[in-house]
C-alpha atoms as a PDB file:
ATOM      1  CA  MET A   1      56.657 104.305 134.815  1.00  0.00           C
ATOM      2  CA  PRO A   2      60.011 104.644 136.683  1.00  0.00           C
ATOM      3  CA  ILE A   3      59.905 105.112 140.471  1.00  0.00           C
ATOM      4  CA  GLN A   4      62.408 106.078 143.163  1.00  0.00           C
ATOM      5  CA  ILE A   5      62.588 104.966 146.805  1.00  0.00           C
ATOM      6  CA  GLN A   6      64.661 106.968 149.287  1.00  0.00           C
ATOM      7  CA  LEU A   7      66.345 105.004 152.079  1.00  0.00           C
ATOM      8  CA  ASP A   8      66.938 106.303 155.613  1.00  0.00           C
ATOM      9  CA  ASN A   9      70.540 107.222 154.748  1.00  0.00           C
ATOM     10  CA  GLY A  10      69.398 109.350 151.810  1.00  0.00           C
ATOM     11  CA  SER A  11      70.331 106.824 149.107  1.00  0.00           C
ATOM     12  CA  LEU A  12      67.934 106.404 146.204  1.00  0.00           C
ATOM     13  CA  ILE A  13      66.834 103.132 144.622  1.00  0.00           C
ATOM     14  CA  GLY A  14      65.362 103.613 141.179  1.00  0.00           C
ATOM     15  CA  GLY A  15      63.160 101.237 139.221  1.00  0.00           C
ATOM     16  CA  GLY A  16      63.762 101.149 135.467  1.00  0.00           C
ATOM     17  CA  GLY A  17      61.208 101.580 132.716  1.00  0.00           C
ATOM     18  CA  ALA A  18      58.297  99.167 132.500  1.00  0.00           C
ATOM     19  CA  ALA A  19      59.671  97.462 129.391  1.00  0.00           C
ATOM     20  CA  PHE A  20      62.659  96.037 131.302  1.00  0.00           C
ATOM     21  CA  LYS A  21      61.493  96.122 134.939  1.00  0.00           C
ATOM     22  CA  GLY A  22      65.028  96.476 136.281  1.00  0.00           C
ATOM     23  CA  ALA A  23      66.509  98.494 139.097  1.00  0.00           C
ATOM     24  CA  ASN A  24      69.120 101.089 138.182  1.00  0.00           C
ATOM     25  CA  VAL A  25      72.186 100.117 140.219  1.00  0.00           C
ATOM     26  CA  HIS A  26      75.710 101.537 140.166  1.00  0.00           C
ATOM     27  CA  ILE A  27      78.443  99.346 141.659  1.00  0.00           C
ATOM     28  CA  LYS A  28      80.701 101.416 143.903  1.00  0.00           C
ATOM     29  CA  PRO A  29      84.015 100.750 145.683  1.00  0.00           C
ATOM     30  CA  ILE A  30      84.024  99.647 149.313  1.00  0.00           C
ATOM     31  CA  ASP A  31      83.284 102.579 151.622  1.00  0.00           C
ATOM     32  CA  HIS A  32      86.657 103.413 153.184  1.00  0.00           C
ATOM     33  CA  GLY A  33      85.555 106.097 155.656  1.00  0.00           C
ATOM     34  CA  ALA A  34      88.647 108.006 156.806  1.00  0.00           C
ATOM     35  CA  LEU A  35      90.997 105.258 155.534  1.00  0.00           C
ATOM     36  CA  GLY A  36      91.583 104.401 151.862  1.00  0.00           C
ATOM     37  CA  HIS A  37      92.114 102.284 148.757  1.00  0.00           C
ATOM     38  CA  TYR A  38      95.629 101.383 147.587  1.00  0.00           C
ATOM     39  CA  ARG A  39      97.469  99.688 144.717  1.00  0.00           C
ATOM     40  CA  THR A  40     100.968  98.459 143.993  1.00  0.00           C
ATOM     41  CA  SER A  41     102.857  96.316 141.476  1.00  0.00           C
ATOM     42  CA  ALA A  42     105.968  94.156 141.834  1.00  0.00           C
ATOM     43  CA  LYS A  43     108.228  92.388 139.328  1.00  0.00           C
ATOM     44  CA  ILE A  44     109.958  89.239 140.598  1.00  0.00           C
ATOM     45  CA  THR A  45     112.627  87.174 138.836  1.00  0.00           C
ATOM     46  CA  LEU A  46     112.689  83.406 139.376  1.00  0.00           C
ATOM     47  CA  LEU A  47     116.148  81.802 139.274  1.00  0.00           C
ATOM     48  CA  LEU A  48     117.555  78.367 138.509  1.00  0.00           C
ATOM     49  CA  GLY A  49     116.482  75.845 141.104  1.00  0.00           C
ATOM     50  CA  GLN A  50     113.853  78.185 142.550  1.00  0.00           C
ATOM     51  CA  VAL A  51     112.838  76.225 145.617  1.00  0.00           C
ATOM     52  CA  VAL A  52     109.412  74.831 146.372  1.00  0.00           C
ATOM     53  CA  ASN A  53     107.345  77.123 148.629  1.00  0.00           C
ATOM     54  CA  ALA A  54     109.697  80.047 148.053  1.00  0.00           C
ATOM     55  CA  ARG A  55     107.779  83.138 149.157  1.00  0.00           C
ATOM     56  CA  LEU A  56     107.489  85.676 146.349  1.00  0.00           C
ATOM     57  CA  PHE A  57     105.084  88.342 147.642  1.00  0.00           C
ATOM     58  CA  GLU A  58     103.279  89.072 150.896  1.00  0.00           C
ATOM     59  CA  ILE A  59     100.941  91.617 152.427  1.00  0.00           C
ATOM     60  CA  ARG A  60     100.371  91.788 156.179  1.00  0.00           C
ATOM     61  CA  ASN A  61      97.827  93.783 158.162  1.00  0.00           C
ATOM     62  CA  ALA A  62     100.082  95.591 160.627  1.00  0.00           C
ATOM     63  CA  GLY A  63      97.394  98.060 161.720  1.00  0.00           C
ATOM     64  CA  SER A  64      94.276  97.989 163.880  1.00  0.00           C
ATOM     65  CA  ASN A  65      91.685  98.139 161.071  1.00  0.00           C
ATOM     66  CA  LEU A  66      90.635  95.581 158.436  1.00  0.00           C
ATOM     67  CA  LEU A  67      92.413  95.059 155.113  1.00  0.00           C
ATOM     68  CA  VAL A  68      90.338  93.760 152.197  1.00  0.00           C
ATOM     69  CA  PRO A  69      92.374  92.535 149.195  1.00  0.00           C
ATOM     70  CA  LEU A  70      90.364  93.466 146.090  1.00  0.00           C
ATOM     71  CA  LEU A  71      92.671  92.366 143.271  1.00  0.00           C
ATOM     72  CA  ILE A  72      95.641  90.023 143.064  1.00  0.00           C
ATOM     73  CA  GLU A  73      96.628  89.470 139.435  1.00  0.00           C
ATOM     74  CA  VAL A  74      99.680  87.411 138.491  1.00  0.00           C
ATOM     75  CA  SER A  75     101.373  87.315 135.075  1.00  0.00           C
ATOM     76  CA  VAL A  76     104.287  84.983 134.231  1.00  0.00           C
ATOM     77  CA  LEU A  77     106.636  84.968 131.237  1.00  0.00           C
ATOM     78  CA  PRO A  78     109.998  83.403 130.374  1.00  0.00           C
ATOM     79  CA  PHE A  79     112.479  86.099 129.305  1.00  0.00           C
ATOM     80  CA  GLY A  80     115.416  83.895 128.374  1.00  0.00           C
ATOM     81  CA  SER A  81     116.540  80.292 128.428  1.00  0.00           C
ATOM     82  CA  VAL A  82     114.624  77.629 130.391  1.00  0.00           C
ATOM     83  CA  VAL A  83     116.705  74.588 129.434  1.00  0.00           C
ATOM     84  CA  VAL A  84     114.431  72.062 131.149  1.00  0.00           C
ATOM     85  CA  PRO A  85     110.807  73.148 130.513  1.00  0.00           C
ATOM     86  CA  TYR A  86     108.408  72.701 133.394  1.00  0.00           C
ATOM     87  CA  ASP A  87     104.963  73.536 134.745  1.00  0.00           C
ATOM     88  CA  LEU A  88     105.293  76.698 136.839  1.00  0.00           C
ATOM     89  CA  GLU A  89     102.728  76.824 139.633  1.00  0.00           C
ATOM     90  CA  ILE A  90     102.035  79.713 142.007  1.00  0.00           C
ATOM     91  CA  GLY A  91      99.711  79.563 145.020  1.00  0.00           C
ATOM     92  CA  LEU A  92      98.001  82.235 147.125  1.00  0.00           C
ATOM     93  CA  TYR A  93      97.731  81.413 150.835  1.00  0.00           C
ATOM     94  CA  LYS A  94      95.917  83.105 153.706  1.00  0.00           C
ATOM     95  CA  CYS A  95      97.995  83.565 156.861  1.00  0.00           C
ATOM     96  CA  THR A  96      97.126  84.091 160.520  1.00  0.00           C
ATOM     97  CA  ASN A  97      99.363  84.890 163.531  1.00  0.00           C
ATOM     98  CA  PHE A  98     101.267  87.040 161.036  1.00  0.00           C
ATOM     99  CA  SER A  99     103.317  89.090 163.488  1.00  0.00           C
ATOM    100  CA  ALA A 100     106.347  89.898 161.293  1.00  0.00           C
ATOM    101  CA  VAL A 101     107.043  90.112 157.566  1.00  0.00           C
ATOM    102  CA  ASP A 102     110.119  88.590 155.945  1.00  0.00           C
ATOM    103  CA  THR A 103     113.441  90.366 156.452  1.00  0.00           C
ATOM    104  CA  THR A 104     115.835  88.559 154.082  1.00  0.00           C
ATOM    105  CA  ASN A 105     115.821  88.702 150.252  1.00  0.00           C
ATOM    106  CA  THR A 106     113.073  91.325 150.382  1.00  0.00           C
ATOM    107  CA  ALA A 107     112.191  94.590 148.688  1.00  0.00           C
ATOM    108  CA  THR A 108     109.400  97.004 149.584  1.00  0.00           C
ATOM    109  CA  PRO A 109     107.263  98.277 146.690  1.00  0.00           C
ATOM    110  CA  SER A 110     105.864 101.794 146.676  1.00  0.00           C
ATOM    111  CA  ALA A 111     102.081 101.861 147.010  1.00  0.00           C
ATOM    112  CA  SER A 112      99.760 104.525 145.617  1.00  0.00           C
ATOM    113  CA  THR A 113      96.671 105.999 147.251  1.00  0.00           C
ATOM    114  CA  MET A 114      93.750 105.962 144.842  1.00  0.00           C
ATOM    115  CA  ARG A 115      92.647 109.470 145.813  1.00  0.00           C
ATOM    116  CA  THR A 116      95.025 112.143 147.082  1.00  0.00           C
ATOM    117  CA  SER A 117      92.421 113.979 149.155  1.00  0.00           C
ATOM    118  CA  GLY A 118      90.109 112.123 151.500  1.00  0.00           C
ATOM    119  CA  MET A 119      92.227 108.972 151.843  1.00  0.00           C
ATOM    120  CA  SER A 120      95.011 108.121 154.287  1.00  0.00           C
ATOM    121  CA  ALA A 121      98.543 107.947 152.929  1.00  0.00           C
ATOM    122  CA  ALA A 122      99.692 104.691 151.336  1.00  0.00           C
ATOM    123  CA  PRO A 123     100.158 101.942 152.292  1.00  0.00           C
ATOM    124  CA  GLY A 124      97.858 102.489 155.271  1.00  0.00           C
ATOM    125  CA  GLY A 125      98.265  99.717 157.823  1.00  0.00           C
ATOM    126  CA  ALA A 126      99.722  97.260 155.313  1.00  0.00           C
ATOM    127  CA  HIS A 127     103.227  95.836 155.280  1.00  0.00           C
ATOM    128  CA  VAL A 128     104.054  94.755 151.714  1.00  0.00           C
ATOM    129  CA  ARG A 129     107.168  92.859 150.590  1.00  0.00           C
ATOM    130  CA  TYR A 130     108.326  91.047 147.451  1.00  0.00           C
ATOM    131  CA  CYS A 131     111.271  88.790 146.704  1.00  0.00           C
ATOM    132  CA  SER A 132     114.423  90.526 145.476  1.00  0.00           C
ATOM    133  CA  SER A 133     115.474  87.676 143.163  1.00  0.00           C
ATOM    134  CA  SER A 134     116.606  84.854 145.439  1.00  0.00           C
ATOM    135  CA  THR A 135     116.541  81.109 144.784  1.00  0.00           C
ATOM    136  CA  ASN A 136     115.243  80.573 148.318  1.00  0.00           C
ATOM    137  CA  GLY A 137     112.589  83.295 148.203  1.00  0.00           C
ATOM    138  CA  MET A 138     111.966  85.583 151.164  1.00  0.00           C
ATOM    139  CA  THR A 139     112.772  84.371 154.667  1.00  0.00           C
ATOM    140  CA  GLY A 140     112.523  85.559 158.262  1.00  0.00           C
ATOM    141  CA  TRP A 141     108.792  85.987 158.782  1.00  0.00           C
ATOM    142  CA  THR A 142     106.549  84.888 161.653  1.00  0.00           C
ATOM    143  CA  ALA A 143     103.160  83.554 160.507  1.00  0.00           C
ATOM    144  CA  THR A 144     100.876  80.526 160.327  1.00  0.00           C
ATOM    145  CA  LYS A 145     100.058  79.637 156.715  1.00  0.00           C
ATOM    146  CA  ASP A 146      96.879  77.772 155.746  1.00  0.00           C
ATOM    147  CA  GLY A 147      97.458  74.193 154.663  1.00  0.00           C
ATOM    148  CA  SER A 148      96.174  74.742 151.118  1.00  0.00           C
ATOM    149  CA  PRO A 149      96.120  77.749 148.793  1.00  0.00           C
ATOM    150  CA  ILE A 150      92.903  79.720 148.369  1.00  0.00           C
ATOM    151  CA  ALA A 151      93.779  80.226 144.687  1.00  0.00           C
ATOM    152  CA  SER A 152      96.504  79.033 142.332  1.00  0.00           C
ATOM    153  CA  MET A 153      97.696  79.188 138.726  1.00  0.00           C
ATOM    154  CA  MET A 154      99.903  77.198 136.355  1.00  0.00           C
ATOM    155  CA  ALA A 155     101.795  77.992 133.168  1.00  0.00           C
ATOM    156  CA  TRP A 156     104.206  76.048 130.939  1.00  0.00           C
ATOM    157  CA  MET A 157     107.698  77.552 131.103  1.00  0.00           C
ATOM    158  CA  SER A 158     110.117  76.955 128.228  1.00  0.00           C
ATOM    159  CA  SER A 159     112.815  79.047 126.585  1.00  0.00           C
ATOM    160  CA  VAL A 160     111.525  82.359 125.275  1.00  0.00           C
ATOM    161  CA  SER A 161     110.742  82.710 121.571  1.00  0.00           C
ATOM    162  CA  ALA A 162     109.163  85.278 119.269  1.00  0.00           C
ATOM    163  CA  THR A 163     105.768  83.735 119.979  1.00  0.00           C
ATOM    164  CA  SER A 164     106.051  83.634 123.790  1.00  0.00           C
ATOM    165  CA  ARG A 165     103.188  85.384 125.529  1.00  0.00           C
ATOM    166  CA  PRO A 166     102.546  86.026 129.223  1.00  0.00           C
ATOM    167  CA  VAL A 167     100.054  83.865 131.083  1.00  0.00           C
ATOM    168  CA  MET A 168      97.849  85.893 133.430  1.00  0.00           C
ATOM    169  CA  LYS A 169      95.351  84.934 136.102  1.00  0.00           C
ATOM    170  CA  ARG A 170      93.391  86.924 138.652  1.00  0.00           C
ATOM    171  CA  LEU A 171      93.728  84.974 141.875  1.00  0.00           C
ATOM    172  CA  LEU A 172      91.436  87.505 143.590  1.00  0.00           C
ATOM    173  CA  ASP A 173      88.979  89.764 141.792  1.00  0.00           C
ATOM    174  CA  SER A 174      86.479  92.023 143.561  1.00  0.00           C
ATOM    175  CA  SER A 175      84.321  92.198 140.414  1.00  0.00           C
ATOM    176  CA  GLN A 176      83.258  88.607 141.106  1.00  0.00           C
ATOM    177  CA  GLN A 177      80.404  89.698 143.331  1.00  0.00           C
ATOM    178  CA  ALA A 178      79.412  86.179 144.389  1.00  0.00           C
ATOM    179  CA  VAL A 179      82.898  85.445 145.767  1.00  0.00           C
ATOM    180  CA  HIS A 180      83.591  86.876 149.219  1.00  0.00           C
ATOM    181  CA  PRO A 181      87.050  88.502 149.400  1.00  0.00           C
ATOM    182  CA  PRO A 182      89.413  87.714 152.248  1.00  0.00           C
ATOM    183  CA  VAL A 183      88.986  90.130 155.151  1.00  0.00           C
ATOM    184  CA  LEU A 184      92.280  90.447 156.992  1.00  0.00           C
ATOM    185  CA  ALA A 185      92.156  91.266 160.696  1.00  0.00           C
ATOM    186  CA  PRO A 186      95.252  92.642 162.446  1.00  0.00           C
ATOM    187  CA  ASN A 187      98.174  90.181 162.131  1.00  0.00           C
ATOM    188  CA  GLU A 188      96.605  88.389 159.170  1.00  0.00           C
ATOM    189  CA  GLY A 189      97.684  88.488 155.561  1.00  0.00           C
ATOM    190  CA  VAL A 190      98.215  86.688 152.265  1.00  0.00           C
ATOM    191  CA  VAL A 191     101.351  85.337 150.582  1.00  0.00           C
ATOM    192  CA  LEU A 192     102.237  84.152 147.059  1.00  0.00           C
ATOM    193  CA  GLU A 193     104.519  81.117 146.820  1.00  0.00           C
ATOM    194  CA  ASN A 194     106.332  79.217 144.085  1.00  0.00           C
ATOM    195  CA  LEU A 195     104.959  75.652 144.239  1.00  0.00           C
ATOM    196  CA  VAL A 196     107.204  73.719 141.793  1.00  0.00           C
ATOM    197  CA  LEU A 197     111.004  73.412 141.723  1.00  0.00           C
ATOM    198  CA  GLY A 198     112.418  75.709 139.068  1.00  0.00           C
ATOM    199  CA  SER A 199     114.529  74.418 136.195  1.00  0.00           C
ATOM    200  CA  ALA A 200     117.933  73.492 137.636  1.00  0.00           C
ATOM    201  CA  THR A 201     120.037  74.477 134.598  1.00  0.00           C
ATOM    202  CA  THR A 202     118.716  77.886 133.589  1.00  0.00           C
ATOM    203  CA  ASN A 203     115.400  79.348 134.688  1.00  0.00           C
ATOM    204  CA  ASN A 204     114.786  82.877 133.411  1.00  0.00           C
ATOM    205  CA  VAL A 205     111.199  83.609 134.436  1.00  0.00           C
ATOM    206  CA  ARG A 206     109.457  86.847 135.376  1.00  0.00           C
ATOM    207  CA  VAL A 207     106.486  87.028 137.746  1.00  0.00           C
ATOM    208  CA  LEU A 208     104.499  90.272 137.708  1.00  0.00           C
ATOM    209  CA  VAL A 209     102.090  90.880 140.606  1.00  0.00           C
ATOM    210  CA  ASP A 210      99.411  93.616 140.605  1.00  0.00           C
ATOM    211  CA  VAL A 211      97.595  94.133 143.910  1.00  0.00           C
ATOM    212  CA  ALA A 212      94.783  96.408 145.134  1.00  0.00           C
ATOM    213  CA  TRP A 213      93.313  96.566 148.633  1.00  0.00           C
ATOM    214  CA  ALA A 214      91.102  98.693 150.855  1.00  0.00           C
ATOM    215  CA  GLU A 215      91.551  99.557 154.524  1.00  0.00           C
ATOM    216  CA  VAL A 216      88.265  99.842 156.401  1.00  0.00           C
ATOM    217  CA  THR A 217      86.914  99.834 159.953  1.00  0.00           C
ATOM    218  CA  ALA A 218      84.031  97.468 159.162  1.00  0.00           C
ATOM    219  CA  TYR A 219      83.104  95.103 156.348  1.00  0.00           C
END
């Protein structure tokens, strides 16, 4: 028959019926304490000759707590002519010594708090920037980028047609319980970069970035 065990903190662990012998478990978001969970989305346009390692999106921990990126999902789609088709590649890098975000060719997206009451106002201690459509990407930051990406994606870019569909990949996904998310200490962060030179004639490509993160005191 089912049983329940009460832990010291008052939580209950329940054993399922004898036929299945499983524990009843509900996955919950990271405990944010007095801080919060946040989300934002950014749309970036790649241009002709988009340079290699052009920075497209970045999030920096500018506070004193920990930032835990929970979701980074990237979708790419041509929206016009790409005269010379090519393999678009985007990489996600972890950064340390991240003391200043980019200041040139940048825009700041609005972030939303996932609960109005009980969570600190968005974006918490995060500095978030995305590229405002520049061939060179964002510039002006101060950071040390890891030598290799921690995740990457690729998609074939050619001129848009009636059958063109976006290519999407989750570079970080908190639902993958066996994969430890990055935990960003103060002055750490992550950045998305364009890894392949864009078509030099015409290169009409959209990059859509959806991001969710939590700010916590301990993880």
